Amino acid sequence: RKYHQELLFTFTESRQKTLAACTSVYRRGVADGALVFSPVVEEMAGLLALQQAGFPIVVIHPPALLDGLTSIAPDDYEGAIMATRHLIDLGHRKIGIIIESDTWGAGPGRLAGYLGVLKEAGLEINDDLILKGYPGFPESGRSAAQKWLADGIELTAVVCFNDLVAYGLIHELHAAGVEVAEQISVVGFDDIPNSQYIPSLGLTTIRQPIAEIGAAALAKLVHLIDNTAEPGQHISVPMELVVRGTTKAMNH
């Protein structure tokens, strides 16, 4: 309403069909542009081709950055820096991280931020503390906890891929008799609803400004509709550290 535009929502059966949906909308001429949420990396080149053909597109949470394609996402690199630095400031030195991938999506930026802070602090990089291939579901957190416990890996803090992974990790740690915060501090990502209540301690997390990202993406799309020749760019949106009860200073 603010931009005097109508919104058309199109839902696909899977992320793999995003390009087909955008192509259909473009060819039928039923929309002046598209906001695309988190497509698969294999479809990014096709989305770029549509944009270059004169159909404005803004990708929210792109799996990878592509020159020429306009996208917007939270600053995962800075978010991981904040999370890891918070734990180091609390005295933690053996800090694990759980990510979905180190080649696409949020993973590369978060891993780079985590590693950068460890190096800055003069801490050893321990590959046993870096778990890759864990999607953003509670089961991933449970699997990560089970692996570390079974392998006898010593750690005192974990940066999780998102809040759901953190919940799964915390559940499994409790089941194993490990006290969260007292023995292992946990940081999530996203600050999804009720993160202040679940777990009962309240989850320390990195807040994604979801409303701001959506508003900025829409504003950018409207601008591109009126300026189709403008080159694509990537927009990073700052995150925020929210400290609650799942992180605690080390008892030396």
C-alpha atoms as a PDB file:
ATOM      1  CA  ARG A   1       0.000   0.000   0.000  1.00  0.00           C
ATOM      2  CA  LYS A   2       2.863   2.366   0.850  1.00  0.00           C
ATOM      3  CA  TYR A   3       4.245   1.955  -2.674  1.00  0.00           C
ATOM      4  CA  HIS A   4       0.824   1.838  -4.401  1.00  0.00           C
ATOM      5  CA  GLN A   5       1.609  -1.661  -5.664  1.00  0.00           C
ATOM      6  CA  GLU A   6      -0.308  -4.922  -5.520  1.00  0.00           C
ATOM      7  CA  LEU A   7       1.356  -8.056  -4.154  1.00  0.00           C
ATOM      8  CA  LEU A   8       0.958 -11.438  -5.832  1.00  0.00           C
ATOM      9  CA  PHE A   9       2.033 -14.421  -3.707  1.00  0.00           C
ATOM     10  CA  THR A  10       3.174 -17.581  -5.461  1.00  0.00           C
ATOM     11  CA  PHE A  11       4.040 -20.688  -3.436  1.00  0.00           C
ATOM     12  CA  THR A  12       6.107 -23.489  -4.951  1.00  0.00           C
ATOM     13  CA  GLU A  13       6.110 -27.156  -3.997  1.00  0.00           C
ATOM     14  CA  SER A  14       9.845 -26.985  -3.379  1.00  0.00           C
ATOM     15  CA  ARG A  15      12.723 -24.525  -3.508  1.00  0.00           C
ATOM     16  CA  GLN A  16      13.864 -26.248  -6.719  1.00  0.00           C
ATOM     17  CA  LYS A  17      10.831 -24.830  -8.564  1.00  0.00           C
ATOM     18  CA  THR A  18      11.428 -21.159  -7.784  1.00  0.00           C
ATOM     19  CA  LEU A  19      12.955 -20.367 -11.176  1.00  0.00           C
ATOM     20  CA  ALA A  20      10.062 -22.002 -13.030  1.00  0.00           C
ATOM     21  CA  ALA A  21       7.550 -19.954 -11.031  1.00  0.00           C
ATOM     22  CA  CYS A  22       9.400 -16.686 -11.709  1.00  0.00           C
ATOM     23  CA  THR A  23       9.753 -17.506 -15.401  1.00  0.00           C
ATOM     24  CA  SER A  24       6.030 -18.220 -15.655  1.00  0.00           C
ATOM     25  CA  VAL A  25       5.108 -14.962 -13.930  1.00  0.00           C
ATOM     26  CA  TYR A  26       7.485 -13.040 -16.199  1.00  0.00           C
ATOM     27  CA  ARG A  27       6.234 -14.610 -19.439  1.00  0.00           C
ATOM     28  CA  ARG A  28       2.579 -14.127 -18.528  1.00  0.00           C
ATOM     29  CA  GLY A  29       3.237 -10.496 -17.638  1.00  0.00           C
ATOM     30  CA  VAL A  30       1.276 -10.702 -14.400  1.00  0.00           C
ATOM     31  CA  ALA A  31       3.939  -9.012 -12.250  1.00  0.00           C
ATOM     32  CA  ASP A  32       6.479  -6.222 -12.605  1.00  0.00           C
ATOM     33  CA  GLY A  33       9.102  -7.941 -10.449  1.00  0.00           C
ATOM     34  CA  ALA A  34       9.658 -10.653  -7.855  1.00  0.00           C
ATOM     35  CA  LEU A  35      10.897 -11.161  -4.327  1.00  0.00           C
ATOM     36  CA  VAL A  36      12.442 -14.629  -4.131  1.00  0.00           C
ATOM     37  CA  PHE A  37      13.146 -16.292  -0.795  1.00  0.00           C
ATOM     38  CA  SER A  38      16.102 -18.648  -0.418  1.00  0.00           C
ATOM     39  CA  PRO A  39      16.259 -20.433  -3.795  1.00  0.00           C
ATOM     40  CA  VAL A  40      18.638 -23.338  -4.408  1.00  0.00           C
ATOM     41  CA  VAL A  41      22.073 -22.391  -5.714  1.00  0.00           C
ATOM     42  CA  GLU A  42      21.484 -24.171  -9.047  1.00  0.00           C
ATOM     43  CA  GLU A  43      18.715 -21.689  -9.921  1.00  0.00           C
ATOM     44  CA  MET A  44      20.657 -18.493  -9.226  1.00  0.00           C
ATOM     45  CA  ALA A  45      22.053 -18.167 -12.770  1.00  0.00           C
ATOM     46  CA  GLY A  46      18.546 -18.501 -14.213  1.00  0.00           C
ATOM     47  CA  LEU A  47      17.239 -15.800 -11.875  1.00  0.00           C
ATOM     48  CA  LEU A  48      20.100 -13.545 -12.963  1.00  0.00           C
ATOM     49  CA  ALA A  49      19.155 -14.142 -16.608  1.00  0.00           C
ATOM     50  CA  LEU A  50      15.581 -13.070 -15.862  1.00  0.00           C
ATOM     51  CA  GLN A  51      16.824  -9.911 -14.167  1.00  0.00           C
ATOM     52  CA  GLN A  52      19.089  -9.152 -17.123  1.00  0.00           C
ATOM     53  CA  ALA A  53      16.094  -9.652 -19.434  1.00  0.00           C
ATOM     54  CA  GLY A  54      14.375  -6.767 -17.662  1.00  0.00           C
ATOM     55  CA  PHE A  55      12.428  -8.558 -14.911  1.00  0.00           C
ATOM     56  CA  PRO A  56      13.523  -7.055 -11.557  1.00  0.00           C
ATOM     57  CA  ILE A  57      14.319  -9.647  -8.901  1.00  0.00           C
ATOM     58  CA  VAL A  58      15.476  -9.333  -5.298  1.00  0.00           C
ATOM     59  CA  VAL A  59      16.646 -12.546  -3.642  1.00  0.00           C
ATOM     60  CA  ILE A  60      16.213 -12.760   0.135  1.00  0.00           C
ATOM     61  CA  HIS A  61      18.692 -15.093   1.855  1.00  0.00           C
ATOM     62  CA  PRO A  62      20.577 -16.161  -1.299  1.00  0.00           C
ATOM     63  CA  PRO A  63      22.457 -19.487  -1.124  1.00  0.00           C
ATOM     64  CA  ALA A  64      25.411 -17.736  -2.783  1.00  0.00           C
ATOM     65  CA  LEU A  65      26.256 -14.261  -4.047  1.00  0.00           C
ATOM     66  CA  LEU A  66      26.114 -13.775  -7.802  1.00  0.00           C
ATOM     67  CA  ASP A  67      27.477 -10.656  -9.502  1.00  0.00           C
ATOM     68  CA  GLY A  68      24.651  -8.725 -11.089  1.00  0.00           C
ATOM     69  CA  LEU A  69      21.810 -10.292  -9.090  1.00  0.00           C
ATOM     70  CA  THR A  70      20.287  -8.120  -6.386  1.00  0.00           C
ATOM     71  CA  SER A  71      20.082  -9.857  -3.015  1.00  0.00           C
ATOM     72  CA  ILE A  72      19.658  -9.077   0.658  1.00  0.00           C
ATOM     73  CA  ALA A  73      20.600 -11.087   3.734  1.00  0.00           C
ATOM     74  CA  PRO A  74      21.683 -10.685   7.331  1.00  0.00           C
ATOM     75  CA  ASP A  75      25.408 -10.218   7.843  1.00  0.00           C
ATOM     76  CA  ASP A  76      26.268 -13.803   8.811  1.00  0.00           C
ATOM     77  CA  TYR A  77      29.979 -13.021   9.081  1.00  0.00           C
ATOM     78  CA  GLU A  78      29.454 -10.272  11.658  1.00  0.00           C
ATOM     79  CA  GLY A  79      26.832 -12.360  13.435  1.00  0.00           C
ATOM     80  CA  ALA A  80      29.297 -15.195  13.977  1.00  0.00           C
ATOM     81  CA  ILE A  81      31.924 -12.722  15.124  1.00  0.00           C
ATOM     82  CA  MET A  82      29.531 -11.380  17.767  1.00  0.00           C
ATOM     83  CA  ALA A  83      28.578 -14.866  18.949  1.00  0.00           C
ATOM     84  CA  THR A  84      32.140 -16.177  19.152  1.00  0.00           C
ATOM     85  CA  ARG A  85      33.549 -13.024  20.714  1.00  0.00           C
ATOM     86  CA  HIS A  86      30.804 -13.087  23.348  1.00  0.00           C
ATOM     87  CA  LEU A  87      31.867 -16.601  24.344  1.00  0.00           C
ATOM     88  CA  ILE A  88      35.559 -15.716  24.401  1.00  0.00           C
ATOM     89  CA  ASP A  89      34.797 -12.672  26.556  1.00  0.00           C
ATOM     90  CA  LEU A  90      33.149 -15.087  29.004  1.00  0.00           C
ATOM     91  CA  GLY A  91      36.397 -17.043  29.218  1.00  0.00           C
ATOM     92  CA  HIS A  92      35.593 -19.893  26.835  1.00  0.00           C
ATOM     93  CA  ARG A  93      38.454 -21.299  24.784  1.00  0.00           C
ATOM     94  CA  LYS A  94      37.082 -24.604  23.452  1.00  0.00           C
ATOM     95  CA  ILE A  95      34.209 -23.385  21.298  1.00  0.00           C
ATOM     96  CA  GLY A  96      32.359 -25.579  18.817  1.00  0.00           C
ATOM     97  CA  ILE A  97      30.295 -24.512  15.823  1.00  0.00           C
ATOM     98  CA  ILE A  98      27.511 -26.291  13.919  1.00  0.00           C
ATOM     99  CA  ILE A  99      26.774 -25.233  10.324  1.00  0.00           C
ATOM    100  CA  GLU A 100      24.788 -26.629   7.428  1.00  0.00           C
ATOM    101  CA  SER A 101      27.443 -26.076   4.746  1.00  0.00           C
ATOM    102  CA  ASP A 102      30.787 -24.362   4.319  1.00  0.00           C
ATOM    103  CA  THR A 103      30.211 -23.698   0.603  1.00  0.00           C
ATOM    104  CA  TRP A 104      26.761 -22.061   0.344  1.00  0.00           C
ATOM    105  CA  GLY A 105      24.073 -20.234   2.298  1.00  0.00           C
ATOM    106  CA  ALA A 106      24.832 -18.774   5.711  1.00  0.00           C
ATOM    107  CA  GLY A 107      27.564 -21.317   6.480  1.00  0.00           C
ATOM    108  CA  PRO A 108      30.635 -19.797   4.776  1.00  0.00           C
ATOM    109  CA  GLY A 109      30.184 -16.376   6.366  1.00  0.00           C
ATOM    110  CA  ARG A 110      29.530 -17.782   9.816  1.00  0.00           C
ATOM    111  CA  LEU A 111      32.460 -20.177   9.653  1.00  0.00           C
ATOM    112  CA  ALA A 112      34.744 -17.358   8.495  1.00  0.00           C
ATOM    113  CA  GLY A 113      33.602 -15.118  11.342  1.00  0.00           C
ATOM    114  CA  TYR A 114      34.086 -17.893  13.907  1.00  0.00           C
ATOM    115  CA  LEU A 115      37.561 -18.792  12.636  1.00  0.00           C
ATOM    116  CA  GLY A 116      38.578 -15.146  12.417  1.00  0.00           C
ATOM    117  CA  VAL A 117      37.757 -14.496  16.063  1.00  0.00           C
ATOM    118  CA  LEU A 118      39.571 -17.648  17.213  1.00  0.00           C
ATOM    119  CA  LYS A 119      42.682 -16.601  15.295  1.00  0.00           C
ATOM    120  CA  GLU A 120      42.389 -13.059  16.617  1.00  0.00           C
ATOM    121  CA  ALA A 121      42.326 -14.467  20.159  1.00  0.00           C
ATOM    122  CA  GLY A 122      45.314 -16.715  19.461  1.00  0.00           C
ATOM    123  CA  LEU A 123      43.290 -19.901  19.924  1.00  0.00           C
ATOM    124  CA  GLU A 124      44.022 -23.198  18.204  1.00  0.00           C
ATOM    125  CA  ILE A 125      41.685 -24.270  15.397  1.00  0.00           C
ATOM    126  CA  ASN A 126      40.385 -27.729  16.280  1.00  0.00           C
ATOM    127  CA  ASP A 127      38.592 -29.475  13.402  1.00  0.00           C
ATOM    128  CA  ASP A 128      36.812 -31.743  15.891  1.00  0.00           C
ATOM    129  CA  LEU A 129      34.895 -28.691  17.105  1.00  0.00           C
ATOM    130  CA  ILE A 130      33.624 -27.772  13.616  1.00  0.00           C
ATOM    131  CA  LEU A 131      30.599 -29.783  12.486  1.00  0.00           C
ATOM    132  CA  LYS A 132      29.405 -29.358   8.882  1.00  0.00           C
ATOM    133  CA  GLY A 133      26.414 -30.852   7.113  1.00  0.00           C
ATOM    134  CA  TYR A 134      23.874 -30.249   9.859  1.00  0.00           C
ATOM    135  CA  PRO A 135      20.613 -28.691   8.526  1.00  0.00           C
ATOM    136  CA  GLY A 136      18.621 -26.243  10.598  1.00  0.00           C
ATOM    137  CA  PHE A 137      16.422 -28.666  12.540  1.00  0.00           C
ATOM    138  CA  PRO A 138      16.409 -29.817  16.191  1.00  0.00           C
ATOM    139  CA  GLU A 139      17.537 -33.288  15.101  1.00  0.00           C
ATOM    140  CA  SER A 140      20.805 -31.760  13.898  1.00  0.00           C
ATOM    141  CA  GLY A 141      21.497 -30.341  17.337  1.00  0.00           C
ATOM    142  CA  ARG A 142      20.777 -33.686  18.942  1.00  0.00           C
ATOM    143  CA  SER A 143      23.059 -35.474  16.464  1.00  0.00           C
ATOM    144  CA  ALA A 144      25.838 -32.954  17.064  1.00  0.00           C
ATOM    145  CA  ALA A 145      25.635 -33.405  20.832  1.00  0.00           C
ATOM    146  CA  GLN A 146      25.616 -37.184  20.465  1.00  0.00           C
ATOM    147  CA  LYS A 147      28.697 -37.079  18.238  1.00  0.00           C
ATOM    148  CA  TRP A 148      30.714 -34.819  20.515  1.00  0.00           C
ATOM    149  CA  LEU A 149      29.754 -36.829  23.611  1.00  0.00           C
ATOM    150  CA  ALA A 150      30.456 -40.194  21.954  1.00  0.00           C
ATOM    151  CA  ASP A 151      33.828 -38.992  20.643  1.00  0.00           C
ATOM    152  CA  GLY A 152      34.804 -37.572  24.026  1.00  0.00           C
ATOM    153  CA  ILE A 153      35.391 -34.101  22.569  1.00  0.00           C
ATOM    154  CA  GLU A 154      36.089 -31.468  25.205  1.00  0.00           C
ATOM    155  CA  LEU A 155      34.295 -28.170  24.663  1.00  0.00           C
ATOM    156  CA  THR A 156      32.682 -25.544  26.858  1.00  0.00           C
ATOM    157  CA  ALA A 157      30.586 -23.571  24.360  1.00  0.00           C
ATOM    158  CA  VAL A 158      28.795 -23.982  21.023  1.00  0.00           C
ATOM    159  CA  VAL A 159      27.657 -21.590  18.292  1.00  0.00           C
ATOM    160  CA  CYS A 160      24.639 -23.231  16.624  1.00  0.00           C
ATOM    161  CA  PHE A 161      23.415 -22.830  13.039  1.00  0.00           C
ATOM    162  CA  ASN A 162      20.062 -21.565  14.295  1.00  0.00           C
ATOM    163  CA  ASP A 163      17.793 -21.597  17.326  1.00  0.00           C
ATOM    164  CA  LEU A 164      16.168 -24.905  16.380  1.00  0.00           C
ATOM    165  CA  VAL A 165      19.569 -26.607  16.263  1.00  0.00           C
ATOM    166  CA  ALA A 166      20.344 -25.028  19.636  1.00  0.00           C
ATOM    167  CA  TYR A 167      17.118 -26.452  21.103  1.00  0.00           C
ATOM    168  CA  GLY A 168      18.014 -29.933  19.881  1.00  0.00           C
ATOM    169  CA  LEU A 169      21.545 -29.629  21.249  1.00  0.00           C
ATOM    170  CA  ILE A 170      20.274 -28.450  24.627  1.00  0.00           C
ATOM    171  CA  HIS A 171      17.720 -31.281  24.778  1.00  0.00           C
ATOM    172  CA  GLU A 172      20.400 -33.893  24.169  1.00  0.00           C
ATOM    173  CA  LEU A 173      22.835 -32.310  26.630  1.00  0.00           C
ATOM    174  CA  HIS A 174      20.153 -32.365  29.328  1.00  0.00           C
ATOM    175  CA  ALA A 175      19.423 -36.014  28.529  1.00  0.00           C
ATOM    176  CA  ALA A 176      23.123 -36.789  28.992  1.00  0.00           C
ATOM    177  CA  GLY A 177      23.248 -34.981  32.330  1.00  0.00           C
ATOM    178  CA  VAL A 178      25.223 -31.999  31.028  1.00  0.00           C
ATOM    179  CA  GLU A 179      24.166 -28.664  32.525  1.00  0.00           C
ATOM    180  CA  VAL A 180      23.664 -25.944  29.928  1.00  0.00           C
ATOM    181  CA  ALA A 181      25.403 -22.677  30.818  1.00  0.00           C
ATOM    182  CA  GLU A 182      27.070 -24.240  33.871  1.00  0.00           C
ATOM    183  CA  GLN A 183      29.059 -26.750  31.801  1.00  0.00           C
ATOM    184  CA  ILE A 184      28.406 -25.816  28.169  1.00  0.00           C
ATOM    185  CA  SER A 185      27.240 -22.420  26.954  1.00  0.00           C
ATOM    186  CA  VAL A 186      25.026 -22.327  23.861  1.00  0.00           C
ATOM    187  CA  VAL A 187      24.344 -19.560  21.325  1.00  0.00           C
ATOM    188  CA  GLY A 188      21.658 -19.796  18.653  1.00  0.00           C
ATOM    189  CA  PHE A 189      20.918 -17.751  15.541  1.00  0.00           C
ATOM    190  CA  ASP A 190      17.674 -16.014  14.480  1.00  0.00           C
ATOM    191  CA  ASP A 191      15.865 -15.208  17.767  1.00  0.00           C
ATOM    192  CA  ILE A 192      12.709 -16.978  16.657  1.00  0.00           C
ATOM    193  CA  PRO A 193       9.508 -16.379  18.683  1.00  0.00           C
ATOM    194  CA  ASN A 194       9.682 -17.684  22.263  1.00  0.00           C
ATOM    195  CA  SER A 195      13.488 -17.919  22.264  1.00  0.00           C
ATOM    196  CA  GLN A 196      13.367 -15.992  25.529  1.00  0.00           C
ATOM    197  CA  TYR A 197      11.343 -18.826  27.097  1.00  0.00           C
ATOM    198  CA  ILE A 198      12.693 -21.991  25.458  1.00  0.00           C
ATOM    199  CA  PRO A 199      14.719 -23.368  27.112  1.00  0.00           C
ATOM    200  CA  SER A 200      13.633 -22.139  30.545  1.00  0.00           C
ATOM    201  CA  LEU A 201      16.938 -20.282  30.878  1.00  0.00           C
ATOM    202  CA  GLY A 202      16.201 -18.232  27.769  1.00  0.00           C
ATOM    203  CA  LEU A 203      18.374 -18.781  24.695  1.00  0.00           C
ATOM    204  CA  THR A 204      21.288 -16.470  24.002  1.00  0.00           C
ATOM    205  CA  THR A 205      21.109 -15.865  20.270  1.00  0.00           C
ATOM    206  CA  ILE A 206      21.958 -13.646  17.320  1.00  0.00           C
ATOM    207  CA  ARG A 207      18.807 -11.808  16.286  1.00  0.00           C
ATOM    208  CA  GLN A 208      17.947 -11.537  12.611  1.00  0.00           C
ATOM    209  CA  PRO A 209      16.014  -8.333  11.846  1.00  0.00           C
ATOM    210  CA  ILE A 210      13.387 -10.209   9.828  1.00  0.00           C
ATOM    211  CA  ALA A 211      10.944  -7.316   9.473  1.00  0.00           C
ATOM    212  CA  GLU A 212      13.715  -4.935   8.430  1.00  0.00           C
ATOM    213  CA  ILE A 213      15.017  -7.404   5.838  1.00  0.00           C
ATOM    214  CA  GLY A 214      11.548  -7.799   4.340  1.00  0.00           C
ATOM    215  CA  ALA A 215      10.932  -4.060   4.253  1.00  0.00           C
ATOM    216  CA  ALA A 216      14.333  -3.346   2.704  1.00  0.00           C
ATOM    217  CA  ALA A 217      13.831  -6.062   0.081  1.00  0.00           C
ATOM    218  CA  LEU A 218      10.443  -4.686  -0.937  1.00  0.00           C
ATOM    219  CA  ALA A 219      11.760  -1.119  -1.090  1.00  0.00           C
ATOM    220  CA  LYS A 220      14.647  -2.261  -3.272  1.00  0.00           C
ATOM    221  CA  LEU A 221      12.341  -4.172  -5.613  1.00  0.00           C
ATOM    222  CA  VAL A 222      10.049  -1.170  -6.076  1.00  0.00           C
ATOM    223  CA  HIS A 223      13.121   0.940  -6.817  1.00  0.00           C
ATOM    224  CA  LEU A 224      14.344  -1.581  -9.406  1.00  0.00           C
ATOM    225  CA  ILE A 225      10.945  -1.667 -11.096  1.00  0.00           C
ATOM    226  CA  ASP A 226      11.372   2.051 -11.749  1.00  0.00           C
ATOM    227  CA  ASN A 227      15.096   1.710 -12.535  1.00  0.00           C
ATOM    228  CA  THR A 228      15.506  -1.560 -14.442  1.00  0.00           C
ATOM    229  CA  ALA A 229      18.933  -0.634 -15.803  1.00  0.00           C
ATOM    230  CA  GLU A 230      20.466  -0.299 -12.334  1.00  0.00           C
ATOM    231  CA  PRO A 231      23.177  -2.935 -11.697  1.00  0.00           C
ATOM    232  CA  GLY A 232      22.526  -5.608  -9.103  1.00  0.00           C
ATOM    233  CA  GLN A 233      24.030  -5.422  -5.636  1.00  0.00           C
ATOM    234  CA  HIS A 234      24.106  -7.374  -2.394  1.00  0.00           C
ATOM    235  CA  ILE A 235      22.780  -5.692   0.742  1.00  0.00           C
ATOM    236  CA  SER A 236      23.952  -6.904   4.173  1.00  0.00           C
ATOM    237  CA  VAL A 237      21.731  -6.199   7.165  1.00  0.00           C
ATOM    238  CA  PRO A 238      23.326  -6.017  10.648  1.00  0.00           C
ATOM    239  CA  MET A 239      22.450  -8.576  13.314  1.00  0.00           C
ATOM    240  CA  GLU A 240      22.215  -8.162  17.088  1.00  0.00           C
ATOM    241  CA  LEU A 241      23.533 -10.227  20.002  1.00  0.00           C
ATOM    242  CA  VAL A 242      20.784 -11.017  22.525  1.00  0.00           C
ATOM    243  CA  VAL A 243      22.242 -12.333  25.786  1.00  0.00           C
ATOM    244  CA  ARG A 244      20.038 -14.580  27.901  1.00  0.00           C
ATOM    245  CA  GLY A 245      20.603 -17.542  30.195  1.00  0.00           C
ATOM    246  CA  THR A 246      22.311 -20.201  28.067  1.00  0.00           C
ATOM    247  CA  THR A 247      25.709 -18.504  28.174  1.00  0.00           C
ATOM    248  CA  LYS A 248      27.742 -17.997  31.310  1.00  0.00           C
ATOM    249  CA  ALA A 249      31.267 -17.036  32.309  1.00  0.00           C
ATOM    250  CA  MET A 250      33.723 -19.882  32.765  1.00  0.00           C
ATOM    251  CA  ASN A 251      34.593 -20.927  36.294  1.00  0.00           C
ATOM    252  CA  HIS A 252      38.375 -21.042  36.261  1.00  0.00           C
END
